[in-house]
Amino acid sequence: MIGSTFISETDLQKLQGLGQDIEALDEFEHVNLDALCTLDFETAVAESGIRWMKGDPVVYDEEEGVALVKISPEGLAFILNGQHDFDEDQIADLETGVCQRSCRVTSCGLL
């Protein structure tokens, strides 16, 4: 998968466990994107002075290519309010992300 995956979870211990077993992702409410990655989001919000990520990664495993980060509410709101400069394919990816377990992306996060 090239794109980002948004996971709705407030229990950091559960997320840290996901770093050990990425196959457990199906146990979490999440949205998969095909084209947009963390760098796209960080770049989109950078000029506004907002950070996409909040704090240090919850999980970071360079060898496995896994990084779980907390998204800043301001960064998510910036993107969802359309203040980005994404192209048509990226916008379509954001609008049609594969949603698992009936969640959806909102200005408050994943529901």
C-alpha atoms as a PDB file:
ATOM      1  CA  MET A   1       0.000   0.000   0.000  1.00  0.00           C
ATOM      2  CA  ILE A   2       1.361   3.397  -0.961  1.00  0.00           C
ATOM      3  CA  GLY A   3      -1.303   5.594   0.614  1.00  0.00           C
ATOM      4  CA  SER A   4      -1.953   6.423   4.244  1.00  0.00           C
ATOM      5  CA  THR A   5      -4.333   4.606   6.541  1.00  0.00           C
ATOM      6  CA  PHE A   6      -6.310   6.581   9.110  1.00  0.00           C
ATOM      7  CA  ILE A   7      -7.010   4.606  12.285  1.00  0.00           C
ATOM      8  CA  SER A   8      -9.568   5.664  14.868  1.00  0.00           C
ATOM      9  CA  GLU A   9      -8.157   4.653  18.251  1.00  0.00           C
ATOM     10  CA  THR A  10      -7.449   6.582  21.436  1.00  0.00           C
ATOM     11  CA  ASP A  11      -5.752   3.726  23.333  1.00  0.00           C
ATOM     12  CA  LEU A  12      -2.034   4.181  22.613  1.00  0.00           C
ATOM     13  CA  GLN A  13      -1.200   0.715  23.968  1.00  0.00           C
ATOM     14  CA  LYS A  14      -3.467  -0.891  21.377  1.00  0.00           C
ATOM     15  CA  LEU A  15      -1.759   1.129  18.647  1.00  0.00           C
ATOM     16  CA  GLN A  16       1.678   0.115  19.898  1.00  0.00           C
ATOM     17  CA  GLY A  17       0.542  -3.503  19.652  1.00  0.00           C
ATOM     18  CA  LEU A  18      -0.399  -2.863  16.039  1.00  0.00           C
ATOM     19  CA  GLY A  19       3.243  -2.029  15.397  1.00  0.00           C
ATOM     20  CA  GLN A  20       4.050  -5.618  16.385  1.00  0.00           C
ATOM     21  CA  ASP A  21       1.308  -7.177  14.236  1.00  0.00           C
ATOM     22  CA  ILE A  22       0.196  -5.038  11.292  1.00  0.00           C
ATOM     23  CA  GLU A  23      -2.231  -7.802  10.264  1.00  0.00           C
ATOM     24  CA  ALA A  24      -4.344  -6.803  13.297  1.00  0.00           C
ATOM     25  CA  LEU A  25      -5.349  -3.625  11.428  1.00  0.00           C
ATOM     26  CA  ASP A  26      -8.720  -5.192  10.620  1.00  0.00           C
ATOM     27  CA  GLU A  27      -9.577  -5.034  14.320  1.00  0.00           C
ATOM     28  CA  PHE A  28      -9.497  -1.213  14.176  1.00  0.00           C
ATOM     29  CA  GLU A  29     -11.850   1.260  12.537  1.00  0.00           C
ATOM     30  CA  HIS A  30      -9.799   2.634   9.669  1.00  0.00           C
ATOM     31  CA  VAL A  31      -9.841   4.308   6.262  1.00  0.00           C
ATOM     32  CA  ASN A  32      -7.364   3.269   3.566  1.00  0.00           C
ATOM     33  CA  LEU A  33      -6.179   5.785   0.984  1.00  0.00           C
ATOM     34  CA  ASP A  34      -4.518   4.665  -2.246  1.00  0.00           C
ATOM     35  CA  ALA A  35      -2.622   7.765  -3.327  1.00  0.00           C
ATOM     36  CA  LEU A  36      -2.212  10.206  -0.445  1.00  0.00           C
ATOM     37  CA  CYS A  37       0.585   9.620   2.047  1.00  0.00           C
ATOM     38  CA  THR A  38       1.713  11.412   5.204  1.00  0.00           C
ATOM     39  CA  LEU A  39       4.181  13.566   3.278  1.00  0.00           C
ATOM     40  CA  ASP A  40       1.345  14.850   1.052  1.00  0.00           C
ATOM     41  CA  PHE A  41      -0.626  15.947   4.098  1.00  0.00           C
ATOM     42  CA  GLU A  42       2.390  17.456   5.891  1.00  0.00           C
ATOM     43  CA  THR A  43       3.281  19.430   2.752  1.00  0.00           C
ATOM     44  CA  ALA A  44      -0.317  20.590   2.237  1.00  0.00           C
ATOM     45  CA  VAL A  45      -0.571  22.157   5.698  1.00  0.00           C
ATOM     46  CA  ALA A  46       3.025  23.423   6.022  1.00  0.00           C
ATOM     47  CA  GLU A  47       2.546  26.876   4.500  1.00  0.00           C
ATOM     48  CA  SER A  48      -0.262  27.612   6.960  1.00  0.00           C
ATOM     49  CA  GLY A  49       2.032  27.020   9.927  1.00  0.00           C
ATOM     50  CA  ILE A  50      -0.001  23.971  10.981  1.00  0.00           C
ATOM     51  CA  ARG A  51       1.636  20.605  11.576  1.00  0.00           C
ATOM     52  CA  TRP A  52       0.029  17.439  10.253  1.00  0.00           C
ATOM     53  CA  MET A  53       1.481  15.179  12.922  1.00  0.00           C
ATOM     54  CA  LYS A  54       1.090  15.843  16.611  1.00  0.00           C
ATOM     55  CA  GLY A  55       4.119  14.868  18.682  1.00  0.00           C
ATOM     56  CA  ASP A  56       6.396  11.906  18.127  1.00  0.00           C
ATOM     57  CA  PRO A  57       5.237   8.739  16.330  1.00  0.00           C
ATOM     58  CA  VAL A  58       3.379   6.249  18.524  1.00  0.00           C
ATOM     59  CA  VAL A  59       5.095   3.479  16.548  1.00  0.00           C
ATOM     60  CA  TYR A  60       8.036   3.852  14.190  1.00  0.00           C
ATOM     61  CA  ASP A  61       9.658   0.822  12.557  1.00  0.00           C
ATOM     62  CA  GLU A  62      11.821   1.896   9.638  1.00  0.00           C
ATOM     63  CA  GLU A  63      12.753  -1.686   8.795  1.00  0.00           C
ATOM     64  CA  GLU A  64       9.112  -2.745   8.395  1.00  0.00           C
ATOM     65  CA  GLY A  65       8.023   0.584   6.906  1.00  0.00           C
ATOM     66  CA  VAL A  66       5.459   1.249   9.637  1.00  0.00           C
ATOM     67  CA  ALA A  67       4.860   4.589  11.319  1.00  0.00           C
ATOM     68  CA  LEU A  68       1.804   5.339  13.420  1.00  0.00           C
ATOM     69  CA  VAL A  69       1.378   9.018  14.206  1.00  0.00           C
ATOM     70  CA  LYS A  70      -1.247  11.116  15.901  1.00  0.00           C
ATOM     71  CA  ILE A  71      -2.821  13.618  13.511  1.00  0.00           C
ATOM     72  CA  SER A  72      -3.297  17.154  14.785  1.00  0.00           C
ATOM     73  CA  PRO A  73      -6.965  18.189  14.862  1.00  0.00           C
ATOM     74  CA  GLU A  74      -5.971  21.502  13.216  1.00  0.00           C
ATOM     75  CA  GLY A  75      -4.221  19.680  10.370  1.00  0.00           C
ATOM     76  CA  LEU A  76      -7.165  17.371   9.749  1.00  0.00           C
ATOM     77  CA  ALA A  77      -9.612  20.300   9.789  1.00  0.00           C
ATOM     78  CA  PHE A  78      -7.392  22.210   7.344  1.00  0.00           C
ATOM     79  CA  ILE A  79      -7.482  19.313   4.870  1.00  0.00           C
ATOM     80  CA  LEU A  80     -11.169  18.514   5.277  1.00  0.00           C
ATOM     81  CA  ASN A  81     -12.136  22.168   4.876  1.00  0.00           C
ATOM     82  CA  GLY A  82     -10.576  22.092   1.401  1.00  0.00           C
ATOM     83  CA  GLN A  83      -7.707  24.473   2.141  1.00  0.00           C
ATOM     84  CA  HIS A  84      -5.232  22.189   0.379  1.00  0.00           C
ATOM     85  CA  ASP A  85      -3.812  22.215  -3.138  1.00  0.00           C
ATOM     86  CA  PHE A  86      -4.419  18.550  -4.012  1.00  0.00           C
ATOM     87  CA  ASP A  87      -4.881  17.463  -7.613  1.00  0.00           C
ATOM     88  CA  GLU A  88      -8.021  15.670  -8.874  1.00  0.00           C
ATOM     89  CA  ASP A  89      -6.681  12.170  -8.166  1.00  0.00           C
ATOM     90  CA  GLN A  90      -5.706  13.082  -4.617  1.00  0.00           C
ATOM     91  CA  ILE A  91      -9.091  14.685  -3.948  1.00  0.00           C
ATOM     92  CA  ALA A  92     -10.858  11.606  -5.295  1.00  0.00           C
ATOM     93  CA  ASP A  93      -8.686   9.435  -3.025  1.00  0.00           C
ATOM     94  CA  LEU A  94      -9.610  11.563  -0.015  1.00  0.00           C
ATOM     95  CA  GLU A  95     -13.310  11.455  -0.879  1.00  0.00           C
ATOM     96  CA  THR A  96     -13.499   7.748  -1.654  1.00  0.00           C
ATOM     97  CA  GLY A  97     -11.048   6.207   0.807  1.00  0.00           C
ATOM     98  CA  VAL A  98     -11.937   2.611   1.553  1.00  0.00           C
ATOM     99  CA  CYS A  99     -13.719   2.821   4.882  1.00  0.00           C
ATOM    100  CA  GLN A 100     -13.753  -0.183   7.192  1.00  0.00           C
ATOM    101  CA  ARG A 101     -16.473  -0.853   9.779  1.00  0.00           C
ATOM    102  CA  SER A 102     -18.761   2.045   8.764  1.00  0.00           C
ATOM    103  CA  CYS A 103     -16.435   4.850   9.843  1.00  0.00           C
ATOM    104  CA  ARG A 104     -16.042   8.127   8.001  1.00  0.00           C
ATOM    105  CA  VAL A 105     -13.549  10.974   8.064  1.00  0.00           C
ATOM    106  CA  THR A 106     -14.924  14.174   9.588  1.00  0.00           C
ATOM    107  CA  SER A 107     -13.480  17.432  10.787  1.00  0.00           C
ATOM    108  CA  CYS A 108     -13.230  15.862  14.246  1.00  0.00           C
ATOM    109  CA  GLY A 109     -11.413  12.725  13.105  1.00  0.00           C
ATOM    110  CA  LEU A 110     -12.745   9.298  12.286  1.00  0.00           C
ATOM    111  CA  LEU A 111     -16.268   8.330  13.268  1.00  0.00           C
END
